[in-house]
C-alpha atoms as a PDB file:
ATOM      1  CA  MET A   1     107.969  94.137 126.341  1.00  0.00           C
ATOM      2  CA  SER A   2     106.742  90.996 124.848  1.00  0.00           C
ATOM      3  CA  GLY A   3     103.158  91.138 124.397  1.00  0.00           C
ATOM      4  CA  MET A   4     102.791  95.458 124.791  1.00  0.00           C
ATOM      5  CA  PRO A   5     102.964  97.627 121.674  1.00  0.00           C
ATOM      6  CA  PRO A   6     105.826  99.875 121.207  1.00  0.00           C
ATOM      7  CA  LEU A   7     105.855 103.554 123.087  1.00  0.00           C
ATOM      8  CA  LEU A   8     106.433 104.733 119.681  1.00  0.00           C
ATOM      9  CA  GLU A   9     106.761 103.728 116.136  1.00  0.00           C
ATOM     10  CA  ALA A  10     106.736 104.724 112.452  1.00  0.00           C
ATOM     11  CA  HIS A  11     105.913 103.087 109.394  1.00  0.00           C
ATOM     12  CA  GLY A  12     106.741 103.958 106.393  1.00  0.00           C
ATOM     13  CA  LEU A  13     107.674 108.000 106.625  1.00  0.00           C
ATOM     14  CA  VAL A  14     107.524 110.211 103.580  1.00  0.00           C
ATOM     15  CA  LYS A  15     108.577 113.570 103.302  1.00  0.00           C
ATOM     16  CA  ARG A  16     109.135 116.440 100.537  1.00  0.00           C
ATOM     17  CA  LEU A  17     110.656 119.385 101.180  1.00  0.00           C
ATOM     18  CA  GLY A  18     111.816 122.028  98.566  1.00  0.00           C
ATOM     19  CA  GLY A  19     110.204 119.511  95.538  1.00  0.00           C
ATOM     20  CA  ARG A  20     113.396 116.879  97.045  1.00  0.00           C
ATOM     21  CA  LEU A  21     112.609 113.907  98.271  1.00  0.00           C
ATOM     22  CA  VAL A  22     114.090 114.160 102.146  1.00  0.00           C
ATOM     23  CA  VAL A  23     112.787 110.546 103.726  1.00  0.00           C
ATOM     24  CA  ASP A  24     111.842 107.663 102.038  1.00  0.00           C
ATOM     25  CA  GLY A  25     110.167 104.907 103.387  1.00  0.00           C
ATOM     26  CA  VAL A  26     111.766 104.681 106.974  1.00  0.00           C
ATOM     27  CA  ASP A  27     110.288 102.705 109.649  1.00  0.00           C
ATOM     28  CA  LEU A  28     111.910 103.075 113.164  1.00  0.00           C
ATOM     29  CA  VAL A  29     110.692 101.273 116.376  1.00  0.00           C
ATOM     30  CA  CYS A  30     111.583 103.132 120.104  1.00  0.00           C
ATOM     31  CA  HIS A  31     110.437 101.224 123.502  1.00  0.00           C
ATOM     32  CA  GLY A  32     109.825 102.672 126.895  1.00  0.00           C
ATOM     33  CA  GLY A  33     113.468 102.645 128.638  1.00  0.00           C
ATOM     34  CA  GLN A  34     115.519 102.482 125.111  1.00  0.00           C
ATOM     35  CA  VAL A  35     117.193 104.957 123.606  1.00  0.00           C
ATOM     36  CA  LEU A  36     117.315 104.738 119.802  1.00  0.00           C
ATOM     37  CA  GLY A  37     119.942 106.141 118.340  1.00  0.00           C
ATOM     38  CA  LEU A  38     119.267 107.810 114.148  1.00  0.00           C
ATOM     39  CA  LEU A  39     122.147 108.147 113.314  1.00  0.00           C
ATOM     40  CA  GLY A  40     123.902 109.428 109.121  1.00  0.00           C
ATOM     41  CA  PRO A  41     125.993 111.586 107.238  1.00  0.00           C
ATOM     42  CA  ASN A  42     124.795 115.438 106.695  1.00  0.00           C
ATOM     43  CA  GLY A  43     121.392 115.124 104.126  1.00  0.00           C
ATOM     44  CA  ALA A  44     120.156 112.181 105.431  1.00  0.00           C
ATOM     45  CA  GLY A  45     116.831 112.809 106.207  1.00  0.00           C
ATOM     46  CA  LYS A  46     117.799 112.640 110.048  1.00  0.00           C
ATOM     47  CA  THR A  47     116.054 116.110 111.281  1.00  0.00           C
ATOM     48  CA  THR A  48     113.300 115.531 109.034  1.00  0.00           C
ATOM     49  CA  THR A  49     112.518 112.256 110.374  1.00  0.00           C
ATOM     50  CA  LEU A  50     112.524 113.621 114.111  1.00  0.00           C
ATOM     51  CA  ARG A  51     110.648 116.556 113.359  1.00  0.00           C
ATOM     52  CA  MET A  52     107.885 114.080 111.543  1.00  0.00           C
ATOM     53  CA  LEU A  53     107.977 112.626 114.895  1.00  0.00           C
ATOM     54  CA  TYR A  54     107.585 114.462 117.211  1.00  0.00           C
ATOM     55  CA  GLY A  55     104.235 116.510 114.936  1.00  0.00           C
ATOM     56  CA  PHE A  56     106.125 119.660 113.892  1.00  0.00           C
ATOM     57  CA  LEU A  57     106.516 118.277 110.363  1.00  0.00           C
ATOM     58  CA  SER A  58     103.710 116.388 108.827  1.00  0.00           C
ATOM     59  CA  ALA A  59     104.489 113.222 106.977  1.00  0.00           C
ATOM     60  CA  ASP A  60     103.171 113.194 102.847  1.00  0.00           C
ATOM     61  CA  ALA A  61     102.740 109.730 103.704  1.00  0.00           C
ATOM     62  CA  GLY A  62     102.967 106.882 106.312  1.00  0.00           C
ATOM     63  CA  VAL A  63     101.759 106.275 109.748  1.00  0.00           C
ATOM     64  CA  ILE A  64     103.394 107.428 112.958  1.00  0.00           C
ATOM     65  CA  ARG A  65     101.798 105.297 115.950  1.00  0.00           C
ATOM     66  CA  PHE A  66     102.001 105.659 120.304  1.00  0.00           C
ATOM     67  CA  GLU A  67     101.353 103.426 122.584  1.00  0.00           C
ATOM     68  CA  GLY A  68      99.545 101.500 119.329  1.00  0.00           C
ATOM     69  CA  ALA A  69      97.286 104.203 118.288  1.00  0.00           C
ATOM     70  CA  ASP A  70      97.749 106.765 115.023  1.00  0.00           C
ATOM     71  CA  VAL A  71      98.775 110.147 116.544  1.00  0.00           C
ATOM     72  CA  SER A  72      97.322 112.299 113.376  1.00  0.00           C
ATOM     73  CA  ARG A  73      94.061 111.560 114.736  1.00  0.00           C
ATOM     74  CA  GLN A  74      94.983 112.084 118.690  1.00  0.00           C
ATOM     75  CA  LEU A  75      97.761 114.729 118.257  1.00  0.00           C
ATOM     76  CA  SER A  76      97.131 116.639 121.150  1.00  0.00           C
ATOM     77  CA  ARG A  77      96.853 114.089 122.933  1.00  0.00           C
ATOM     78  CA  PHE A  78      99.802 112.843 121.696  1.00  0.00           C
ATOM     79  CA  LYS A  79     101.739 115.341 121.791  1.00  0.00           C
ATOM     80  CA  ARG A  80     101.577 115.635 125.847  1.00  0.00           C
ATOM     81  CA  GLN A  81     103.488 112.910 126.081  1.00  0.00           C
ATOM     82  CA  LEU A  82     106.609 114.494 124.275  1.00  0.00           C
ATOM     83  CA  GLY A  83     109.779 116.255 125.564  1.00  0.00           C
ATOM     84  CA  VAL A  84     111.609 117.886 122.497  1.00  0.00           C
ATOM     85  CA  CYS A  85     114.734 119.462 122.750  1.00  0.00           C
ATOM     86  CA  THR A  86     116.257 121.036 119.873  1.00  0.00           C
ATOM     87  CA  GLN A  87     120.258 121.342 118.703  1.00  0.00           C
ATOM     88  CA  GLU A  88     119.555 125.607 119.122  1.00  0.00           C
ATOM     89  CA  ASP A  89     119.220 127.229 122.571  1.00  0.00           C
ATOM     90  CA  THR A  90     115.705 128.456 122.675  1.00  0.00           C
ATOM     91  CA  PHE A  91     115.340 130.306 125.910  1.00  0.00           C
ATOM     92  CA  ASP A  92     113.769 133.263 127.089  1.00  0.00           C
ATOM     93  CA  GLY A  93     116.398 135.721 127.869  1.00  0.00           C
ATOM     94  CA  ASP A  94     114.520 138.092 129.714  1.00  0.00           C
ATOM     95  CA  PHE A  95     113.368 135.096 132.394  1.00  0.00           C
ATOM     96  CA  THR A  96     115.156 133.587 135.025  1.00  0.00           C
ATOM     97  CA  VAL A  97     116.755 130.175 134.393  1.00  0.00           C
ATOM     98  CA  ARG A  98     113.715 128.756 137.049  1.00  0.00           C
ATOM     99  CA  GLU A  99     110.729 130.529 134.818  1.00  0.00           C
ATOM    100  CA  ASN A 100     112.057 129.517 131.875  1.00  0.00           C
ATOM    101  CA  LEU A 101     111.173 126.349 133.179  1.00  0.00           C
ATOM    102  CA  GLU A 102     107.957 126.805 135.060  1.00  0.00           C
ATOM    103  CA  ILE A 103     106.461 128.907 131.849  1.00  0.00           C
ATOM    104  CA  ALA A 104     107.448 126.029 129.944  1.00  0.00           C
ATOM    105  CA  ALA A 105     105.223 124.028 131.698  1.00  0.00           C
ATOM    106  CA  SER A 106     102.733 127.402 131.471  1.00  0.00           C
ATOM    107  CA  TYR A 107     102.498 126.162 127.270  1.00  0.00           C
ATOM    108  CA  PHE A 108     100.754 122.723 128.536  1.00  0.00           C
ATOM    109  CA  ARG A 109      96.621 121.709 128.110  1.00  0.00           C
ATOM    110  CA  PRO A 110      95.971 120.328 130.953  1.00  0.00           C
ATOM    111  CA  ARG A 111      98.606 122.324 132.501  1.00  0.00           C
ATOM    112  CA  PRO A 112     101.046 120.071 134.642  1.00  0.00           C
ATOM    113  CA  PRO A 113     100.104 119.287 138.477  1.00  0.00           C
ATOM    114  CA  ALA A 114     102.437 120.436 141.205  1.00  0.00           C
ATOM    115  CA  VAL A 115     104.553 122.691 138.926  1.00  0.00           C
ATOM    116  CA  GLY A 116     106.494 124.501 141.714  1.00  0.00           C
ATOM    117  CA  ARG A 117     107.202 120.783 143.135  1.00  0.00           C
ATOM    118  CA  ARG A 118     108.470 119.337 139.572  1.00  0.00           C
ATOM    119  CA  VAL A 119     110.620 122.572 138.907  1.00  0.00           C
ATOM    120  CA  ASP A 120     112.842 122.276 142.210  1.00  0.00           C
ATOM    121  CA  GLU A 121     113.241 118.673 141.332  1.00  0.00           C
ATOM    122  CA  LEU A 122     114.194 119.366 138.149  1.00  0.00           C
ATOM    123  CA  LEU A 123     116.447 122.559 139.494  1.00  0.00           C
ATOM    124  CA  GLU A 124     117.983 119.064 141.454  1.00  0.00           C
ATOM    125  CA  ARG A 125     118.749 116.430 139.813  1.00  0.00           C
ATOM    126  CA  PHE A 126     120.175 118.566 136.385  1.00  0.00           C
ATOM    127  CA  ALA A 127     122.415 120.718 138.944  1.00  0.00           C
ATOM    128  CA  LEU A 128     120.834 124.190 138.272  1.00  0.00           C
ATOM    129  CA  ALA A 129     119.621 124.935 141.903  1.00  0.00           C
ATOM    130  CA  THR A 130     122.235 127.198 141.941  1.00  0.00           C
ATOM    131  CA  TYR A 131     122.039 129.112 138.842  1.00  0.00           C
ATOM    132  CA  ALA A 132     117.922 129.317 139.854  1.00  0.00           C
ATOM    133  CA  GLY A 133     117.808 132.985 139.933  1.00  0.00           C
ATOM    134  CA  ASP A 134     121.034 133.520 136.992  1.00  0.00           C
ATOM    135  CA  LYS A 135     119.869 134.823 133.104  1.00  0.00           C
ATOM    136  CA  PRO A 136     119.990 131.453 130.491  1.00  0.00           C
ATOM    137  CA  GLU A 137     122.599 133.329 129.157  1.00  0.00           C
ATOM    138  CA  ALA A 138     124.724 133.222 132.302  1.00  0.00           C
ATOM    139  CA  LEU A 139     125.699 129.741 132.103  1.00  0.00           C
ATOM    140  CA  SER A 140     128.081 127.948 130.566  1.00  0.00           C
ATOM    141  CA  GLY A 141     127.262 125.709 126.885  1.00  0.00           C
ATOM    142  CA  GLY A 142     127.227 122.600 129.183  1.00  0.00           C
ATOM    143  CA  PHE A 143     124.475 123.402 132.096  1.00  0.00           C
ATOM    144  CA  ARG A 144     122.058 125.559 129.364  1.00  0.00           C
ATOM    145  CA  ARG A 145     122.389 121.831 127.328  1.00  0.00           C
ATOM    146  CA  ARG A 146     121.579 121.084 130.549  1.00  0.00           C
ATOM    147  CA  LEU A 147     118.501 123.323 130.981  1.00  0.00           C
ATOM    148  CA  MET A 148     117.096 122.522 127.329  1.00  0.00           C
ATOM    149  CA  ILE A 149     116.819 118.698 127.979  1.00  0.00           C
ATOM    150  CA  ALA A 150     115.041 119.977 131.822  1.00  0.00           C
ATOM    151  CA  ARG A 151     113.020 121.881 129.340  1.00  0.00           C
ATOM    152  CA  ALA A 152     111.504 119.743 127.597  1.00  0.00           C
ATOM    153  CA  LEU A 153     110.878 117.153 130.952  1.00  0.00           C
ATOM    154  CA  VAL A 154     108.971 119.817 132.956  1.00  0.00           C
ATOM    155  CA  HIS A 155     105.380 118.639 132.352  1.00  0.00           C
ATOM    156  CA  ARG A 156     106.941 114.545 132.615  1.00  0.00           C
ATOM    157  CA  PRO A 157     106.326 113.282 129.239  1.00  0.00           C
ATOM    158  CA  ARG A 158     106.771 109.834 128.971  1.00  0.00           C
ATOM    159  CA  MET A 159     108.952 109.947 125.240  1.00  0.00           C
ATOM    160  CA  LEU A 160     112.817 112.481 124.977  1.00  0.00           C
ATOM    161  CA  PHE A 161     113.489 113.544 121.674  1.00  0.00           C
ATOM    162  CA  LEU A 162     117.179 114.716 122.432  1.00  0.00           C
ATOM    163  CA  ASP A 163     118.240 116.064 118.267  1.00  0.00           C
ATOM    164  CA  GLU A 164     122.266 116.900 118.324  1.00  0.00           C
ATOM    165  CA  PRO A 165     122.276 117.169 122.593  1.00  0.00           C
ATOM    166  CA  THR A 166     125.667 117.297 122.908  1.00  0.00           C
ATOM    167  CA  THR A 167     127.580 119.628 119.634  1.00  0.00           C
ATOM    168  CA  GLY A 168     129.224 122.165 120.691  1.00  0.00           C
ATOM    169  CA  LEU A 169     130.179 120.790 123.668  1.00  0.00           C
ATOM    170  CA  ASP A 170     133.824 119.757 125.926  1.00  0.00           C
ATOM    171  CA  PRO A 171     134.245 116.413 126.584  1.00  0.00           C
ATOM    172  CA  GLN A 172     133.180 117.087 130.070  1.00  0.00           C
ATOM    173  CA  ALA A 173     130.325 118.304 129.181  1.00  0.00           C
ATOM    174  CA  ARG A 174     129.435 115.821 127.153  1.00  0.00           C
ATOM    175  CA  VAL A 175     129.908 113.422 129.443  1.00  0.00           C
ATOM    176  CA  ALA A 176     127.236 114.688 131.668  1.00  0.00           C
ATOM    177  CA  VAL A 177     124.906 114.873 129.064  1.00  0.00           C
ATOM    178  CA  TRP A 178     125.486 111.320 129.126  1.00  0.00           C
ATOM    179  CA  ASP A 179     124.996 110.746 132.352  1.00  0.00           C
ATOM    180  CA  LEU A 180     121.632 111.868 132.600  1.00  0.00           C
ATOM    181  CA  VAL A 181     120.216 110.663 129.029  1.00  0.00           C
ATOM    182  CA  ASN A 182     121.853 107.171 130.833  1.00  0.00           C
ATOM    183  CA  GLY A 183     119.639 108.489 134.436  1.00  0.00           C
ATOM    184  CA  LEU A 184     116.506 109.103 132.477  1.00  0.00           C
ATOM    185  CA  ARG A 185     116.763 105.352 129.845  1.00  0.00           C
ATOM    186  CA  ALA A 186     116.630 103.859 133.592  1.00  0.00           C
ATOM    187  CA  ASP A 187     113.911 106.048 134.725  1.00  0.00           C
ATOM    188  CA  GLY A 188     112.041 104.113 131.368  1.00  0.00           C
ATOM    189  CA  LEU A 189     111.685 107.544 129.078  1.00  0.00           C
ATOM    190  CA  GLY A 190     112.129 106.657 124.844  1.00  0.00           C
ATOM    191  CA  ILE A 191     114.483 108.724 124.026  1.00  0.00           C
ATOM    192  CA  VAL A 192     115.544 108.892 120.515  1.00  0.00           C
ATOM    193  CA  LEU A 193     118.780 110.992 119.821  1.00  0.00           C
ATOM    194  CA  THR A 194     120.226 112.013 116.960  1.00  0.00           C
ATOM    195  CA  THR A 195     124.159 112.925 116.699  1.00  0.00           C
ATOM    196  CA  HIS A 196     127.399 113.142 114.989  1.00  0.00           C
ATOM    197  CA  TYR A 197     129.660 111.396 117.223  1.00  0.00           C
ATOM    198  CA  MET A 198     129.987 107.999 116.974  1.00  0.00           C
ATOM    199  CA  ASP A 199     130.760 107.394 120.448  1.00  0.00           C
ATOM    200  CA  GLU A 200     127.947 109.406 121.371  1.00  0.00           C
ATOM    201  CA  ALA A 201     126.344 106.644 119.582  1.00  0.00           C
ATOM    202  CA  GLU A 202     127.617 103.532 120.626  1.00  0.00           C
ATOM    203  CA  ARG A 203     127.672 104.651 124.550  1.00  0.00           C
ATOM    204  CA  LEU A 204     124.294 105.467 124.668  1.00  0.00           C
ATOM    205  CA  SER A 205     122.181 103.862 121.751  1.00  0.00           C
ATOM    206  CA  ASP A 206     120.885  99.984 123.100  1.00  0.00           C
ATOM    207  CA  VAL A 207     119.155 100.016 119.262  1.00  0.00           C
ATOM    208  CA  LEU A 208     120.688 102.352 116.052  1.00  0.00           C
ATOM    209  CA  THR A 209     119.058 103.321 112.840  1.00  0.00           C
ATOM    210  CA  VAL A 210     120.776 104.481 109.954  1.00  0.00           C
ATOM    211  CA  LEU A 211     119.761 106.912 107.811  1.00  0.00           C
ATOM    212  CA  ALA A 212     121.236 106.942 103.993  1.00  0.00           C
ATOM    213  CA  GLN A 213     120.250 109.144 101.498  1.00  0.00           C
ATOM    214  CA  GLY A 214     116.632 109.173 103.398  1.00  0.00           C
ATOM    215  CA  LYS A 215     115.993 105.878 103.089  1.00  0.00           C
ATOM    216  CA  VAL A 216     117.476 103.371 106.039  1.00  0.00           C
ATOM    217  CA  ALA A 217     120.535 101.892 105.398  1.00  0.00           C
ATOM    218  CA  ALA A 218     120.344  99.674 108.807  1.00  0.00           C
ATOM    219  CA  HIS A 219     118.831  98.942 112.182  1.00  0.00           C
ATOM    220  CA  GLY A 220     119.552  96.930 115.161  1.00  0.00           C
ATOM    221  CA  THR A 221     122.204  97.072 118.119  1.00  0.00           C
ATOM    222  CA  PRO A 222     125.292  98.839 117.207  1.00  0.00           C
ATOM    223  CA  LYS A 223     127.322  95.809 116.907  1.00  0.00           C
ATOM    224  CA  SER A 224     124.965  94.640 114.813  1.00  0.00           C
ATOM    225  CA  VAL A 225     124.679  96.714 112.916  1.00  0.00           C
ATOM    226  CA  LEU A 226     128.657  97.050 112.350  1.00  0.00           C
ATOM    227  CA  GLY A 227     128.866  93.832 111.621  1.00  0.00           C
ATOM    228  CA  ASP A 228     126.250  93.792 109.080  1.00  0.00           C
ATOM    229  CA  MET A 229     127.700  96.507 106.870  1.00  0.00           C
ATOM    230  CA  LEU A 230     131.131  96.470 107.207  1.00  0.00           C
ATOM    231  CA  GLY A 231     131.950  92.554 108.427  1.00  0.00           C
ATOM    232  CA  GLU A 232     133.706  91.503 111.340  1.00  0.00           C
ATOM    233  CA  HIS A 233     137.452  93.869 111.464  1.00  0.00           C
ATOM    234  CA  VAL A 234     138.992  96.645 109.477  1.00  0.00           C
ATOM    235  CA  VAL A 235     142.052  96.533 107.698  1.00  0.00           C
ATOM    236  CA  VAL A 236     144.620  99.182 107.927  1.00  0.00           C
ATOM    237  CA  LEU A 237     147.347  99.892 105.679  1.00  0.00           C
ATOM    238  CA  PRO A 238     149.862 102.852 103.884  1.00  0.00           C
ATOM    239  CA  ALA A 239     147.127 103.947  99.967  1.00  0.00           C
ATOM    240  CA  ASP A 240     150.812 104.978  98.699  1.00  0.00           C
ATOM    241  CA  GLY A 241     152.770 101.404  99.614  1.00  0.00           C
ATOM    242  CA  PRO A 242     154.381  99.525  96.610  1.00  0.00           C
ATOM    243  CA  SER A 243     151.627  97.144  97.210  1.00  0.00           C
ATOM    244  CA  ARG A 244     149.455  99.565  96.408  1.00  0.00           C
ATOM    245  CA  PRO A 245     148.076  97.687  92.851  1.00  0.00           C
ATOM    246  CA  ALA A 246     148.233  94.385  94.004  1.00  0.00           C
ATOM    247  CA  VAL A 247     145.760  94.826  96.605  1.00  0.00           C
ATOM    248  CA  ALA A 248     143.663  96.770  95.076  1.00  0.00           C
ATOM    249  CA  THR A 249     143.571  93.633  92.477  1.00  0.00           C
ATOM    250  CA  TRP A 250     142.919  91.380  95.385  1.00  0.00           C
ATOM    251  CA  LEU A 251     139.746  93.403  96.940  1.00  0.00           C
ATOM    252  CA  ASP A 252     138.276  93.675  93.026  1.00  0.00           C
ATOM    253  CA  ALA A 253     138.360  89.715  93.013  1.00  0.00           C
ATOM    254  CA  HIS A 254     136.648  89.670  96.249  1.00  0.00           C
ATOM    255  CA  GLY A 255     134.098  92.699  95.165  1.00  0.00           C
ATOM    256  CA  LEU A 256     134.646  94.887  97.115  1.00  0.00           C
ATOM    257  CA  GLY A 257     135.683  98.394  95.427  1.00  0.00           C
ATOM    258  CA  GLU A 258     137.433 100.778  96.433  1.00  0.00           C
ATOM    259  CA  PRO A 259     138.642 100.739  99.698  1.00  0.00           C
ATOM    260  CA  LEU A 260     137.969 104.057 102.113  1.00  0.00           C
ATOM    261  CA  THR A 261     140.898 106.514 102.012  1.00  0.00           C
ATOM    262  CA  VAL A 262     142.116 108.163 105.467  1.00  0.00           C
ATOM    263  CA  LEU A 263     144.612 110.226 105.681  1.00  0.00           C
ATOM    264  CA  GLY A 264     147.110 108.548 103.506  1.00  0.00           C
ATOM    265  CA  ALA A 265     145.940 105.065 104.603  1.00  0.00           C
ATOM    266  CA  TRP A 266     143.515 102.693 103.330  1.00  0.00           C
ATOM    267  CA  HIS A 267     141.062 101.337 105.612  1.00  0.00           C
ATOM    268  CA  LEU A 268     139.411  97.230 104.286  1.00  0.00           C
ATOM    269  CA  PRO A 269     136.274  95.913 105.813  1.00  0.00           C
ATOM    270  CA  LEU A 270     136.972  92.219 106.163  1.00  0.00           C
ATOM    271  CA  SER A 271     134.931  89.258 107.076  1.00  0.00           C
ATOM    272  CA  GLY A 272     137.072  86.871 109.215  1.00  0.00           C
ATOM    273  CA  GLU A 273     136.821  84.742 106.322  1.00  0.00           C
ATOM    274  CA  GLN A 274     138.270  88.018 104.118  1.00  0.00           C
ATOM    275  CA  LEU A 275     140.807  88.417 106.850  1.00  0.00           C
ATOM    276  CA  ALA A 276     142.553  85.207 106.565  1.00  0.00           C
ATOM    277  CA  ASP A 277     142.700  84.910 102.578  1.00  0.00           C
ATOM    278  CA  PHE A 278     144.125  88.602 102.626  1.00  0.00           C
ATOM    279  CA  ALA A 279     146.491  87.441 105.347  1.00  0.00           C
ATOM    280  CA  HIS A 280     147.406  84.422 102.838  1.00  0.00           C
ATOM    281  CA  ALA A 281     147.419  86.226 100.069  1.00  0.00           C
ATOM    282  CA  PHE A 282     149.933  89.433 101.553  1.00  0.00           C
ATOM    283  CA  PRO A 283     152.333  87.204 104.191  1.00  0.00           C
ATOM    284  CA  ALA A 284     154.712  89.713 104.331  1.00  0.00           C
ATOM    285  CA  LEU A 285     152.425  93.079 104.341  1.00  0.00           C
ATOM    286  CA  ARG A 286     152.514  95.221 106.932  1.00  0.00           C
ATOM    287  CA  TYR A 287     149.373  96.266 108.074  1.00  0.00           C
ATOM    288  CA  GLU A 288     147.104  96.436 111.428  1.00  0.00           C
ATOM    289  CA  VAL A 289     143.703  95.117 112.102  1.00  0.00           C
ATOM    290  CA  ARG A 290     141.075  96.782 114.419  1.00  0.00           C
ATOM    291  CA  PRO A 291     137.271  96.375 115.121  1.00  0.00           C
ATOM    292  CA  PRO A 292     135.007  98.436 113.063  1.00  0.00           C
ATOM    293  CA  ASN A 293     133.777 101.781 114.777  1.00  0.00           C
ATOM    294  CA  LEU A 294     131.044 103.693 113.696  1.00  0.00           C
ATOM    295  CA  ASP A 295     133.254 106.093 112.304  1.00  0.00           C
ATOM    296  CA  ASP A 296     133.798 103.767 109.323  1.00  0.00           C
ATOM    297  CA  LEU A 297     129.855 103.612 109.221  1.00  0.00           C
ATOM    298  CA  PHE A 298     130.113 107.676 109.333  1.00  0.00           C
ATOM    299  CA  LEU A 299     132.534 106.843 106.310  1.00  0.00           C
ATOM    300  CA  LYS A 300     131.241 104.460 104.132  1.00  0.00           C
ATOM    301  CA  LEU A 301     127.575 106.050 104.239  1.00  0.00           C
ATOM    302  CA  ALA A 302     129.277 110.235 103.585  1.00  0.00           C
ATOM    303  CA  LEU A 303     130.530 108.916  99.835  1.00  0.00           C
ATOM    304  CA  PRO A 304     127.258 108.850  97.870  1.00  0.00           C
ATOM    305  CA  CYS A 305     126.226 112.125  99.543  1.00  0.00           C
ATOM    306  CA  THR A 306     129.276 113.889  98.724  1.00  0.00           C
ATOM    307  CA  ALA A 307     128.497 116.573  95.980  1.00  0.00           C
END
């Protein structure tokens, strides 16, 4: 990737909706063959950012570039390179699975070459060939998702946007979608993914951009984001134990503030040095130590937004 501009990059994106600042100076970068996870609590600005990236909304400020070129000056050419899979299923129920793919291809100019062969290829790859003559309503939730993603790829885009691609699916269907996404990344597609599922973000994302209240709160690999925002360890102990006042005093003295409380337990993100100090300060206290995960990050980011 050295020497080549990113497939997609955005700098200083700003968007107001209904007089409210929803996206406030967001920067992000996605290369070909890479999954960029766009993460954050409800109201963080994820979907609005995504809609600006694929041209559904215009930014109030900032610039979006595709392979180094400003997309606002050649929007139609840019959109030809993009595939979009929204949260909602948006099929035409009057047409079959195959016809939905063929009709989607007809929307693009110039028309994609060899549409019939491309549709056959997608039906096979996404295990939809058996259902090619059925209406979408006959498909399970997992197969409807496959059809949505296949439809987003029918014109051979180089960039794919997936907005909450596995919401509402059972575990088996989610894993099947993950496998498809992995295969598309291996094909060299750039993929921008929004998700509420922490395990999905950790498994699929090469890099994360974490949004909180419209701003970028962190960026990097999942491991580096967790380390930077949460530390190396999480200590879990009962929130109502007799040591609560002493632990609260220790946290305050170390500038750590109020701990996260989940189902009656305190979750304390600590660095290695802080953990050693904690163990020394509370030698008789019983607690669990585990690595941080994206659930911890999500809870931390959601706290200021719980209004």
